[in-house]
Amino acid sequence: MRTRSVYFTGPREVAVREREVPEPGTEQVRVRAEVSAISPGTELLLYRDQVPEEMAADETIDALSGGFEYPLRYGYATVGVVESVGEGVAADWEGREVFAFHPHEGSFCASVEDLVVVPNGIDAGTAALLANAETAVSFALDGAPKIGERVAIYGQGVVGLLSTAVLDGFPLDRLLTVDGIERRRELSEQLGADASLTPRTDLGEHFEGDGDRDPDGVDLAYELSGDPAALDGAIDTTGYAGRVVIGSWYGEKRAELDLGQEFHRSRIRLQSSQVSTIDPAHTGRWDKERRLGVAWDALAAIDSDALLTHRVPVERAEEAYRLLDERPAEAIGVLLTYE
């Protein structure tokens, strides 16, 4: 059988092509896609030709093991229904709704060990946010916010908003978010932020202390905007001995930091965070399955419709990427749909 697949064919060029889908092999199933979520961060870097070609797309996912050279298929958030099973797979897999870390396409074969069964009560659109929710949970684990701490999140795209929702469950003193788009700031406050501010706001006045017992600045800042310039703001907002978790991937964009002011004496810790692996400090009690379970719980607790602003038929995929690239104020979460 043949299916439609999304290909990145060049800078700001996307094409939908047909390709052959084989019968499922041993311990494989064939999945018919319902929806797939576009990652506005990584996929826009690829769309804009801002990723290093020699770098592996994702060494931890078989379907994404190649490099970033055009043309390529990409994406990692597809939800669909198992329509046939191969040898060695129990018959009751047929008809199950599953999540797959797989590129955007209408049908595909995958090993059952690479699929995540969607829990009852979670619709396909919400389930397509699983990878983003897992990333938000990973940020919370890596940042390890403590009771009574002040936290700031820079960037309120899909991952930033889900991170706000996750951190709202912690007993923080204050949770502030920063984003340049009003719609996202409003949604951020609905998801638990005490206030959501523009990048032009001086956050210092929101985190003034009264001395040693209540020091200035935030205890923990997250940079999730994808804008290297925001990292300076996150560092500047963080107080003495605070932490900055850098969840953004900038691709080939350079981050020029001003480290000549107070940073040298501040003992601020900068930490990268990426969902493909689990911090070795947590692997004694955490694995991917446990982290995914917490991510499902996070998705079940929010109204995902507010995050999913657009549903675009896969044959019009180029319009979806152009929307995210040229009119970011209009879109937050974008799904490709498959008949």
Protein backbone atom coordinates (compact mmCIF):
# COMPACT_ATOMS: atom_id res chain seq x y z
CA MET A 1 0.00 0.00 0.00
CA ARG A 2 1.05 3.62 -0.50
CA THR A 3 0.89 6.51 1.95
CA ARG A 4 1.54 10.26 2.09
CA SER A 5 4.71 11.44 3.80
CA VAL A 6 5.99 14.91 4.62
CA TYR A 7 9.48 15.70 3.32
CA PHE A 8 11.70 18.66 4.11
CA THR A 9 13.24 19.25 0.67
CA GLY A 10 15.21 22.48 1.20
CA PRO A 11 15.25 25.74 3.17
CA ARG A 12 11.59 26.69 3.74
CA GLU A 13 10.50 23.96 1.33
CA VAL A 14 8.13 21.15 2.29
CA ALA A 15 6.61 18.54 -0.01
CA VAL A 16 4.09 15.75 0.50
CA ARG A 17 5.11 12.63 -1.40
CA GLU A 18 3.75 9.13 -1.71
CA ARG A 19 5.84 6.18 -0.58
CA GLU A 20 5.30 2.45 -0.29
CA VAL A 21 4.46 0.96 3.11
CA PRO A 22 5.40 -2.71 3.47
CA GLU A 23 3.51 -5.34 5.37
CA PRO A 24 4.55 -5.42 9.04
CA GLY A 25 7.51 -7.69 9.75
CA THR A 26 8.19 -9.89 12.76
CA GLU A 27 7.14 -8.15 16.00
CA GLN A 28 5.93 -5.17 13.99
CA VAL A 29 2.53 -3.58 13.42
CA ARG A 30 1.24 -1.21 10.78
CA VAL A 31 -0.26 2.02 12.13
CA ARG A 32 -2.79 4.23 10.35
CA ALA A 33 -2.15 7.80 11.48
CA GLU A 34 -4.91 10.03 12.79
CA VAL A 35 -2.90 13.16 13.69
CA SER A 36 0.71 14.22 14.15
CA ALA A 37 1.96 17.25 16.04
CA ILE A 38 4.53 19.63 14.58
CA SER A 39 7.34 20.58 16.95
CA PRO A 40 7.63 24.36 16.51
CA GLY A 41 11.13 24.30 17.97
CA THR A 42 13.16 21.58 16.27
CA GLU A 43 11.09 21.39 13.10
CA LEU A 44 11.25 25.13 12.45
CA LEU A 45 15.04 25.00 12.82
CA LEU A 46 15.04 22.26 10.18
CA TYR A 47 12.56 24.18 8.00
CA ARG A 48 14.79 27.28 8.19
CA ASP A 49 18.00 25.30 7.54
CA GLN A 50 19.42 26.17 10.96
CA VAL A 51 20.58 22.70 12.05
CA PRO A 52 24.00 21.10 11.51
CA GLU A 53 23.66 18.56 8.69
CA GLU A 54 26.24 16.15 10.12
CA MET A 55 24.34 15.79 13.41
CA ALA A 56 22.08 12.75 13.88
CA ALA A 57 18.40 13.67 14.02
CA ASP A 58 17.94 11.51 17.13
CA GLU A 59 20.22 8.60 17.96
CA THR A 60 17.73 7.19 20.49
CA ILE A 61 14.86 6.75 17.97
CA ASP A 62 15.24 4.23 15.12
CA ALA A 63 12.92 6.16 12.78
CA LEU A 64 15.08 9.30 13.19
CA SER A 65 18.55 7.76 13.13
CA GLY A 66 19.72 9.58 9.98
CA GLY A 67 21.21 13.06 9.65
CA PHE A 68 19.57 16.39 8.88
CA GLU A 69 20.47 16.53 5.18
CA TYR A 70 17.69 17.46 2.73
CA PRO A 71 15.53 15.77 1.65
CA LEU A 72 14.38 14.00 4.79
CA ARG A 73 11.31 12.90 6.68
CA TYR A 74 11.05 14.19 10.22
CA GLY A 75 8.64 14.52 13.15
CA TYR A 76 8.25 12.59 16.38
CA ALA A 77 4.66 12.88 17.58
CA THR A 78 2.21 10.71 15.63
CA VAL A 79 -0.98 9.16 16.98
CA GLY A 80 -2.84 6.45 15.11
CA VAL A 81 -4.59 3.09 15.20
CA VAL A 82 -2.95 -0.30 14.69
CA GLU A 83 -4.54 -1.75 11.57
CA SER A 84 -2.53 -4.95 11.08
CA VAL A 85 -0.01 -7.02 13.02
CA GLY A 86 3.01 -9.03 11.99
CA GLU A 87 4.33 -12.39 13.14
CA GLY A 88 4.96 -12.61 16.86
CA VAL A 89 2.54 -9.83 17.79
CA ALA A 90 -0.56 -10.60 19.84
CA ALA A 91 -3.79 -10.19 17.87
CA ASP A 92 -5.23 -7.83 20.49
CA TRP A 93 -2.82 -5.11 19.33
CA GLU A 94 -5.08 -4.62 16.32
CA GLY A 95 -7.39 -1.66 16.88
CA ARG A 96 -5.33 -0.10 19.67
CA GLU A 97 -4.68 3.63 19.58
CA VAL A 98 -0.96 4.32 19.94
CA PHE A 99 1.58 7.13 20.07
CA ALA A 100 4.74 6.79 17.97
CA PHE A 101 7.96 8.80 17.83
CA HIS A 102 7.69 8.75 14.05
CA PRO A 103 7.86 11.23 11.14
CA HIS A 104 4.71 12.76 9.67
CA GLU A 105 3.04 10.21 7.39
CA GLY A 106 -0.30 8.51 6.93
CA SER A 107 0.71 4.86 7.53
CA PHE A 108 3.89 3.20 8.73
CA CYS A 109 5.29 0.05 10.29
CA ALA A 110 6.87 0.07 13.73
CA SER A 111 8.04 -2.37 16.36
CA VAL A 112 5.60 -2.75 19.22
CA GLU A 113 8.37 -1.90 21.68
CA ASP A 114 8.60 1.56 20.05
CA LEU A 115 4.90 2.34 20.52
CA VAL A 116 3.11 3.82 23.52
CA VAL A 117 -0.51 2.80 24.06
CA VAL A 118 -2.78 5.82 24.52
CA PRO A 119 -4.68 5.61 27.84
CA ASN A 120 -8.47 5.56 27.90
CA GLY A 121 -9.97 9.02 28.09
CA ILE A 122 -7.15 10.74 26.16
CA ASP A 123 -8.20 11.89 22.67
CA ALA A 124 -5.84 11.71 19.69
CA GLY A 125 -5.09 15.45 19.62
CA THR A 126 -4.13 15.52 23.28
CA ALA A 127 -2.10 12.33 22.89
CA ALA A 128 -0.07 13.99 20.11
CA LEU A 129 1.34 16.33 22.78
CA LEU A 130 2.92 13.43 24.68
CA ALA A 131 6.48 14.16 23.52
CA ASN A 132 6.11 17.80 24.57
CA ALA A 133 4.64 16.82 27.94
CA GLU A 134 7.47 14.34 28.51
CA THR A 135 9.92 17.16 27.80
CA ALA A 136 8.17 19.36 30.37
CA VAL A 137 8.40 16.58 32.96
CA SER A 138 12.09 16.15 32.12
CA PHE A 139 12.68 19.88 32.70
CA ALA A 140 11.01 19.63 36.09
CA LEU A 141 13.21 16.67 37.04
CA ASP A 142 16.38 18.43 35.90
CA GLY A 143 15.54 21.78 37.50
CA ALA A 144 14.38 20.12 40.75
CA PRO A 145 12.34 23.10 42.02
CA LYS A 146 12.12 23.20 45.81
CA ILE A 147 9.41 24.32 48.19
CA GLY A 148 9.14 28.09 48.42
CA GLU A 149 11.41 28.81 45.45
CA ARG A 150 10.93 31.53 42.85
CA VAL A 151 10.88 30.28 39.28
CA ALA A 152 10.87 32.05 35.92
CA ILE A 153 10.21 30.41 32.55
CA TYR A 154 11.35 32.17 29.37
CA GLY A 155 9.26 31.08 26.40
CA GLN A 156 5.61 30.02 26.34
CA GLY A 157 5.31 27.93 23.24
CA VAL A 158 3.81 24.46 23.56
CA VAL A 159 6.65 23.09 25.70
CA GLY A 160 6.86 26.27 27.77
CA LEU A 161 3.13 26.23 28.48
CA LEU A 162 3.19 22.55 29.44
CA SER A 163 6.17 23.28 31.70
CA THR A 164 4.12 26.02 33.35
CA ALA A 165 1.28 23.56 33.94
CA VAL A 166 3.65 20.96 35.41
CA LEU A 167 5.44 23.45 37.69
CA ASP A 168 2.09 24.81 38.88
CA GLY A 169 1.84 21.57 40.85
CA PHE A 170 4.92 22.45 42.93
CA PRO A 171 4.65 24.47 46.18
CA LEU A 172 6.56 27.46 44.78
CA ASP A 173 6.67 30.95 46.21
CA ARG A 174 6.17 32.44 42.76
CA LEU A 175 6.04 31.29 39.14
CA LEU A 176 6.55 33.95 36.48
CA THR A 177 6.71 33.43 32.74
CA VAL A 178 8.03 35.56 29.90
CA ASP A 179 6.84 35.67 26.28
CA GLY A 180 6.42 38.30 23.60
CA ILE A 181 3.00 37.10 22.40
CA GLU A 182 -0.05 38.26 24.34
CA ARG A 183 -2.15 35.18 23.60
CA ARG A 184 0.51 32.93 25.07
CA ARG A 185 0.88 35.12 28.16
CA GLU A 186 -2.86 34.91 28.80
CA LEU A 187 -2.85 31.13 28.43
CA SER A 188 0.22 30.92 30.66
CA GLU A 189 -1.66 32.55 33.52
CA GLN A 190 -4.60 30.21 32.97
CA LEU A 191 -2.21 27.27 33.33
CA GLY A 192 -0.81 28.47 36.63
CA ALA A 193 1.67 31.33 36.20
CA ASP A 194 1.30 34.01 38.88
CA ALA A 195 2.06 36.53 36.15
CA SER A 196 3.23 36.40 32.54
CA LEU A 197 5.36 39.31 31.35
CA THR A 198 6.80 40.66 28.12
CA PRO A 199 10.55 40.28 27.40
CA ARG A 200 10.90 44.05 27.86
CA THR A 201 9.82 43.84 31.51
CA ASP A 202 12.46 44.28 34.20
CA LEU A 203 11.95 41.16 36.27
CA GLY A 204 14.21 42.48 38.98
CA GLU A 205 11.40 44.42 40.61
CA HIS A 206 9.34 41.22 40.83
CA PHE A 207 12.08 39.38 42.68
CA GLU A 208 13.53 41.94 45.06
CA GLY A 209 14.65 40.45 48.38
CA ASP A 210 15.28 41.98 51.78
CA GLY A 211 18.76 40.66 52.47
CA ASP A 212 20.29 37.30 53.35
CA ARG A 213 17.03 35.75 54.53
CA ASP A 214 15.27 36.71 51.29
CA PRO A 215 17.87 37.22 48.54
CA ASP A 216 17.25 38.99 45.24
CA GLY A 217 16.51 37.16 41.99
CA VAL A 218 14.95 33.84 41.08
CA ASP A 219 16.18 30.54 42.43
CA LEU A 220 15.55 28.77 39.16
CA ALA A 221 15.11 30.00 35.58
CA TYR A 222 14.22 27.99 32.49
CA GLU A 223 15.18 29.18 28.99
CA LEU A 224 12.69 27.50 26.63
CA SER A 225 12.09 30.23 24.04
CA GLY A 226 14.46 29.02 21.33
CA ASP A 227 15.90 32.55 21.18
CA PRO A 228 19.59 32.69 22.22
CA ALA A 229 19.14 36.32 23.33
CA ALA A 230 16.70 35.17 26.02
CA LEU A 231 19.47 33.27 27.79
CA ASP A 232 21.07 36.55 28.84
CA GLY A 233 17.77 37.59 30.41
CA ALA A 234 17.42 34.29 32.25
CA ILE A 235 20.93 34.59 33.68
CA ASP A 236 20.38 38.21 34.65
CA THR A 237 17.15 37.32 36.47
CA THR A 238 18.75 34.49 38.44
CA GLY A 239 20.08 35.35 41.89
CA TYR A 240 23.27 34.31 43.66
CA ALA A 241 23.82 30.51 43.59
CA GLY A 242 20.69 30.04 41.46
CA ARG A 243 20.23 27.65 38.54
CA VAL A 244 19.45 28.15 34.86
CA VAL A 245 18.11 25.17 32.91
CA ILE A 246 18.60 25.57 29.16
CA GLY A 247 15.94 23.51 27.41
CA SER A 248 16.11 25.34 24.08
CA TRP A 249 18.03 23.89 21.17
CA TYR A 250 19.44 26.76 19.10
CA GLY A 251 20.74 24.68 16.21
CA GLU A 252 23.30 26.80 14.39
CA LYS A 253 22.16 30.05 16.02
CA ARG A 254 24.88 31.50 18.26
CA ALA A 255 24.26 32.58 21.86
CA GLU A 256 26.23 35.72 22.69
CA LEU A 257 26.26 36.10 26.47
CA ASP A 258 27.23 39.05 28.63
CA LEU A 259 29.21 37.31 31.36
CA GLY A 260 31.30 40.34 32.29
CA GLN A 261 28.94 41.85 34.87
CA GLU A 262 27.88 39.99 38.02
CA PHE A 263 27.96 36.49 36.54
CA HIS A 264 31.59 35.80 37.46
CA ARG A 265 30.81 36.23 41.16
CA SER A 266 27.29 34.86 41.11
CA ARG A 267 27.97 31.09 41.29
CA ILE A 268 25.00 30.56 38.96
CA ARG A 269 24.85 27.06 37.50
CA LEU A 270 23.97 26.64 33.81
CA GLN A 271 22.54 23.21 32.94
CA SER A 272 21.52 21.78 29.60
CA SER A 273 18.40 19.62 29.55
CA GLN A 274 17.22 17.37 26.74
CA VAL A 275 14.54 14.73 26.79
CA SER A 276 16.34 12.02 24.76
CA THR A 277 18.19 10.92 27.88
CA ILE A 278 17.57 10.91 31.63
CA ASP A 279 20.03 12.68 33.92
CA PRO A 280 22.31 10.04 35.49
CA ALA A 281 21.38 11.48 38.88
CA HIS A 282 17.83 10.16 38.38
CA THR A 283 18.36 6.84 36.62
CA GLY A 284 18.38 4.87 39.84
CA ARG A 285 14.63 5.42 40.18
CA TRP A 286 13.51 6.91 36.87
CA ASP A 287 13.27 5.41 33.40
CA LYS A 288 11.44 6.50 30.25
CA GLU A 289 8.35 4.46 31.09
CA ARG A 290 7.91 6.17 34.46
CA ARG A 291 8.51 9.61 32.94
CA LEU A 292 5.92 8.93 30.23
CA GLY A 293 3.42 7.93 32.90
CA VAL A 294 3.81 11.29 34.61
CA ALA A 295 3.49 13.01 31.22
CA TRP A 296 0.16 11.25 30.57
CA ASP A 297 -1.07 12.42 33.99
CA ALA A 298 -0.06 15.99 33.12
CA LEU A 299 -1.96 15.88 29.83
CA ALA A 300 -5.06 14.43 31.49
CA ALA A 301 -5.12 17.39 33.89
CA ILE A 302 -5.20 20.20 31.31
CA ASP A 303 -7.53 21.43 28.56
CA SER A 304 -5.39 20.73 25.50
CA ASP A 305 -7.82 22.45 23.14
CA ALA A 306 -6.37 25.81 24.18
CA LEU A 307 -2.89 24.66 23.13
CA LEU A 308 -3.98 23.11 19.82
CA THR A 309 -4.84 26.15 17.75
CA HIS A 310 -4.73 24.66 14.23
CA ARG A 311 -5.49 21.37 12.49
CA VAL A 312 -4.21 21.19 8.92
CA PRO A 313 -4.75 18.31 6.45
CA VAL A 314 -1.43 16.65 5.68
CA GLU A 315 -1.65 17.49 1.98
CA ARG A 316 -1.42 21.17 3.03
CA ALA A 317 1.59 20.62 5.31
CA GLU A 318 3.54 23.41 3.62
CA GLU A 319 0.88 25.90 4.80
CA ALA A 320 1.25 24.68 8.37
CA TYR A 321 5.01 25.32 8.43
CA ARG A 322 4.60 28.68 6.73
CA LEU A 323 2.04 29.63 9.39
CA LEU A 324 4.43 28.75 12.24
CA ASP A 325 7.34 30.47 10.51
CA GLU A 326 5.68 33.70 9.40
CA ARG A 327 2.76 34.22 11.81
CA PRO A 328 3.77 32.81 15.21
CA ALA A 329 1.32 35.06 17.04
CA GLU A 330 -1.56 33.12 15.45
CA ALA A 331 -0.43 29.58 16.22
CA ILE A 332 0.63 27.60 19.28
CA GLY A 333 0.13 23.89 18.67
CA VAL A 334 -0.41 22.72 15.07
CA LEU A 335 -1.61 19.24 14.15
CA LEU A 336 -1.45 17.56 10.76
CA THR A 337 -4.55 15.45 10.16
CA TYR A 338 -4.95 12.28 8.08
CA GLU A 339 -8.14 10.98 6.55
